[in-house]
Amino acid sequence: MAKIIETDNGTAVNLISQGTEITGDIKSTGDIRIDGVLNGNMNTKGKVVVGPTGRVKGEVECKNSEISGLIDGKITVSQLLNLKASSKINGTIITNKLSIEPGAVFTGNCVMKEGENGGTAAARPKEEGK
């Protein structure tokens, strides 16, 4: 069952409960929590949480994300991606900041970006003459 939960700041949290399977793409401006199954792409300006029973097969694009379940596909996070110990990622990760707990499983590629230029400030080459 899909639910919408109102938070204190007035934004909605969309919930895909355990036992629910959705086939198709999701586009949202609010936060999304998946404890069920999504076969499709997801794009949100908010946070994506994939619970321990959650599974996503497709591309995910969001601001922040916390993964405890399974993602099979590309995940693009503009700020922080947090992989919990029970998480399994098969695919490409593109993120600004990455936190990985011991026990998390990741198979694929990872690209760390900061803004449009890519890389962290410490890793960027210095301009000549400065």
C-alpha atoms as a PDB file:
ATOM      1  CA  MET A   1       0.000   0.000   0.000  1.00  0.00           C
ATOM      2  CA  ALA A   2       1.356   3.432  -0.895  1.00  0.00           C
ATOM      3  CA  LYS A   3       0.950   6.093   1.780  1.00  0.00           C
ATOM      4  CA  ILE A   4       1.653   9.796   2.025  1.00  0.00           C
ATOM      5  CA  ILE A   5       2.860  10.984   5.421  1.00  0.00           C
ATOM      6  CA  GLU A   6       2.921  14.706   6.259  1.00  0.00           C
ATOM      7  CA  THR A   7       6.041  15.883   8.083  1.00  0.00           C
ATOM      8  CA  ASP A   8       6.452  18.828  10.441  1.00  0.00           C
ATOM      9  CA  ASN A   9       7.837  21.072   7.713  1.00  0.00           C
ATOM     10  CA  GLY A  10       4.799  20.481   5.486  1.00  0.00           C
ATOM     11  CA  THR A  11       6.499  18.338   2.849  1.00  0.00           C
ATOM     12  CA  ALA A  12       5.064  14.933   2.049  1.00  0.00           C
ATOM     13  CA  VAL A  13       6.929  11.654   2.544  1.00  0.00           C
ATOM     14  CA  ASN A  14       5.780   9.068   0.027  1.00  0.00           C
ATOM     15  CA  LEU A  15       5.874   5.498   1.323  1.00  0.00           C
ATOM     16  CA  ILE A  16       5.888   2.318  -0.726  1.00  0.00           C
ATOM     17  CA  SER A  17       5.149  -0.297   1.924  1.00  0.00           C
ATOM     18  CA  GLN A  18       6.473  -3.835   2.179  1.00  0.00           C
ATOM     19  CA  GLY A  19       4.308  -6.131   0.046  1.00  0.00           C
ATOM     20  CA  THR A  20       3.732  -3.420  -2.591  1.00  0.00           C
ATOM     21  CA  GLU A  21       5.295  -3.700  -6.040  1.00  0.00           C
ATOM     22  CA  ILE A  22       5.245  -0.776  -8.471  1.00  0.00           C
ATOM     23  CA  THR A  23       6.198  -1.017 -12.141  1.00  0.00           C
ATOM     24  CA  GLY A  24       6.819   2.353 -13.763  1.00  0.00           C
ATOM     25  CA  ASP A  25       8.643   5.613 -13.181  1.00  0.00           C
ATOM     26  CA  ILE A  26       8.182   7.885 -10.155  1.00  0.00           C
ATOM     27  CA  LYS A  27       8.757  11.646 -10.187  1.00  0.00           C
ATOM     28  CA  SER A  28       8.334  13.661  -6.983  1.00  0.00           C
ATOM     29  CA  THR A  29       9.452  16.819  -5.215  1.00  0.00           C
ATOM     30  CA  GLY A  30       9.133  15.250  -1.741  1.00  0.00           C
ATOM     31  CA  ASP A  31      10.906  12.494   0.157  1.00  0.00           C
ATOM     32  CA  ILE A  32      10.326   8.838  -0.747  1.00  0.00           C
ATOM     33  CA  ARG A  33      10.708   5.713   1.393  1.00  0.00           C
ATOM     34  CA  ILE A  34      10.663   2.296  -0.266  1.00  0.00           C
ATOM     35  CA  ASP A  35      10.078  -0.824   1.778  1.00  0.00           C
ATOM     36  CA  GLY A  36       8.467  -2.629  -1.161  1.00  0.00           C
ATOM     37  CA  VAL A  37       9.616  -3.107  -4.765  1.00  0.00           C
ATOM     38  CA  LEU A  38      10.047  -0.528  -7.533  1.00  0.00           C
ATOM     39  CA  ASN A  39      10.700  -1.707 -11.078  1.00  0.00           C
ATOM     40  CA  GLY A  40      11.376   1.589 -12.814  1.00  0.00           C
ATOM     41  CA  ASN A  41      13.178   4.889 -12.479  1.00  0.00           C
ATOM     42  CA  MET A  42      12.779   7.366  -9.627  1.00  0.00           C
ATOM     43  CA  ASN A  43      13.519  11.097  -9.700  1.00  0.00           C
ATOM     44  CA  THR A  44      12.952  13.356  -6.692  1.00  0.00           C
ATOM     45  CA  LYS A  45      14.278  16.635  -5.359  1.00  0.00           C
ATOM     46  CA  GLY A  46      14.050  15.172  -1.836  1.00  0.00           C
ATOM     47  CA  LYS A  47      15.552  12.249   0.063  1.00  0.00           C
ATOM     48  CA  VAL A  48      15.209   8.599  -0.938  1.00  0.00           C
ATOM     49  CA  VAL A  49      15.273   5.921   1.762  1.00  0.00           C
ATOM     50  CA  VAL A  50      15.349   2.270   0.707  1.00  0.00           C
ATOM     51  CA  GLY A  51      14.520   0.190   3.789  1.00  0.00           C
ATOM     52  CA  PRO A  52      15.918  -3.285   4.544  1.00  0.00           C
ATOM     53  CA  THR A  53      13.064  -4.946   2.610  1.00  0.00           C
ATOM     54  CA  GLY A  54      13.149  -2.351  -0.188  1.00  0.00           C
ATOM     55  CA  ARG A  55      14.267  -3.182  -3.737  1.00  0.00           C
ATOM     56  CA  VAL A  56      14.744  -0.876  -6.706  1.00  0.00           C
ATOM     57  CA  LYS A  57      15.504  -2.076 -10.220  1.00  0.00           C
ATOM     58  CA  GLY A  58      16.153   1.048 -12.289  1.00  0.00           C
ATOM     59  CA  GLU A  59      17.765   4.461 -12.025  1.00  0.00           C
ATOM     60  CA  VAL A  60      17.461   6.661  -8.931  1.00  0.00           C
ATOM     61  CA  GLU A  61      18.138  10.409  -8.912  1.00  0.00           C
ATOM     62  CA  CYS A  62      17.750  12.431  -5.694  1.00  0.00           C
ATOM     63  CA  LYS A  63      19.233  14.994  -3.316  1.00  0.00           C
ATOM     64  CA  ASN A  64      20.156  12.634  -0.419  1.00  0.00           C
ATOM     65  CA  SER A  65      19.755   8.898   0.031  1.00  0.00           C
ATOM     66  CA  GLU A  66      20.007   6.243   2.732  1.00  0.00           C
ATOM     67  CA  ILE A  67      20.112   2.649   1.472  1.00  0.00           C
ATOM     68  CA  SER A  68      19.504  -0.430   3.625  1.00  0.00           C
ATOM     69  CA  GLY A  69      18.030  -2.618   0.878  1.00  0.00           C
ATOM     70  CA  LEU A  70      18.892  -3.445  -2.748  1.00  0.00           C
ATOM     71  CA  ILE A  71      19.429  -1.196  -5.750  1.00  0.00           C
ATOM     72  CA  ASP A  72      20.057  -2.755  -9.145  1.00  0.00           C
ATOM     73  CA  GLY A  73      20.931   0.167 -11.431  1.00  0.00           C
ATOM     74  CA  LYS A  74      22.441   3.637 -11.435  1.00  0.00           C
ATOM     75  CA  ILE A  75      22.003   5.956  -8.427  1.00  0.00           C
ATOM     76  CA  THR A  76      22.790   9.667  -8.715  1.00  0.00           C
ATOM     77  CA  VAL A  77      22.805  11.667  -5.458  1.00  0.00           C
ATOM     78  CA  SER A  78      23.570  15.392  -5.501  1.00  0.00           C
ATOM     79  CA  GLN A  79      24.625  15.531  -1.830  1.00  0.00           C
ATOM     80  CA  LEU A  80      25.078  12.535   0.557  1.00  0.00           C
ATOM     81  CA  LEU A  81      24.649   8.819  -0.154  1.00  0.00           C
ATOM     82  CA  ASN A  82      24.658   6.643   2.980  1.00  0.00           C
ATOM     83  CA  LEU A  83      25.039   2.869   2.476  1.00  0.00           C
ATOM     84  CA  LYS A  84      23.960   0.951   5.576  1.00  0.00           C
ATOM     85  CA  ALA A  85      25.472  -2.436   6.522  1.00  0.00           C
ATOM     86  CA  SER A  86      22.562  -4.369   4.967  1.00  0.00           C
ATOM     87  CA  SER A  87      22.677  -2.515   1.632  1.00  0.00           C
ATOM     88  CA  LYS A  88      23.508  -4.086  -1.731  1.00  0.00           C
ATOM     89  CA  ILE A  89      24.215  -1.935  -4.781  1.00  0.00           C
ATOM     90  CA  ASN A  90      24.713  -3.390  -8.263  1.00  0.00           C
ATOM     91  CA  GLY A  91      25.477  -0.580 -10.679  1.00  0.00           C
ATOM     92  CA  THR A  92      26.928   2.895 -10.905  1.00  0.00           C
ATOM     93  CA  ILE A  93      27.053   5.395  -8.048  1.00  0.00           C
ATOM     94  CA  ILE A  94      27.411   9.112  -8.771  1.00  0.00           C
ATOM     95  CA  THR A  95      27.481  11.262  -5.645  1.00  0.00           C
ATOM     96  CA  ASN A  96      29.068  14.254  -3.943  1.00  0.00           C
ATOM     97  CA  LYS A  97      29.645  12.529  -0.568  1.00  0.00           C
ATOM     98  CA  LEU A  98      29.594   8.801   0.232  1.00  0.00           C
ATOM     99  CA  SER A  99      29.298   7.014   3.570  1.00  0.00           C
ATOM    100  CA  ILE A 100      29.663   3.210   3.624  1.00  0.00           C
ATOM    101  CA  GLU A 101      29.098   1.102   6.740  1.00  0.00           C
ATOM    102  CA  PRO A 102      31.043  -2.165   7.155  1.00  0.00           C
ATOM    103  CA  GLY A 103      29.004  -4.998   5.656  1.00  0.00           C
ATOM    104  CA  ALA A 104      27.590  -2.986   2.746  1.00  0.00           C
ATOM    105  CA  VAL A 105      28.045  -4.648  -0.646  1.00  0.00           C
ATOM    106  CA  PHE A 106      28.776  -2.582  -3.743  1.00  0.00           C
ATOM    107  CA  THR A 107      29.486  -3.965  -7.222  1.00  0.00           C
ATOM    108  CA  GLY A 108      30.037  -1.460 -10.006  1.00  0.00           C
ATOM    109  CA  ASN A 109      31.536   1.981 -10.540  1.00  0.00           C
ATOM    110  CA  CYS A 110      31.609   5.048  -8.327  1.00  0.00           C
ATOM    111  CA  VAL A 111      32.114   8.654  -9.389  1.00  0.00           C
ATOM    112  CA  MET A 112      32.575  11.333  -6.741  1.00  0.00           C
ATOM    113  CA  LYS A 113      31.497  14.804  -7.841  1.00  0.00           C
ATOM    114  CA  GLU A 114      31.279  18.209  -6.231  1.00  0.00           C
ATOM    115  CA  GLY A 115      29.196  20.600  -8.261  1.00  0.00           C
ATOM    116  CA  GLU A 116      29.709  20.682 -12.003  1.00  0.00           C
ATOM    117  CA  ASN A 117      33.517  20.448 -11.934  1.00  0.00           C
ATOM    118  CA  GLY A 118      33.749  17.068 -10.200  1.00  0.00           C
ATOM    119  CA  GLY A 119      36.149  15.945  -7.515  1.00  0.00           C
ATOM    120  CA  THR A 120      36.685  17.375  -4.065  1.00  0.00           C
ATOM    121  CA  ALA A 121      38.452  20.670  -3.440  1.00  0.00           C
ATOM    122  CA  ALA A 122      41.571  18.817  -2.251  1.00  0.00           C
ATOM    123  CA  ALA A 123      41.645  16.611  -5.371  1.00  0.00           C
ATOM    124  CA  ARG A 124      41.183  19.421  -7.939  1.00  0.00           C
ATOM    125  CA  PRO A 125      44.346  20.487  -9.722  1.00  0.00           C
ATOM    126  CA  LYS A 126      45.541  23.983  -8.853  1.00  0.00           C
ATOM    127  CA  GLU A 127      45.387  26.580 -11.573  1.00  0.00           C
ATOM    128  CA  GLU A 128      48.800  27.620 -12.833  1.00  0.00           C
ATOM    129  CA  GLY A 129      50.145  30.868 -11.447  1.00  0.00           C
ATOM    130  CA  LYS A 130      48.128  30.683  -8.216  1.00  0.00           C
END
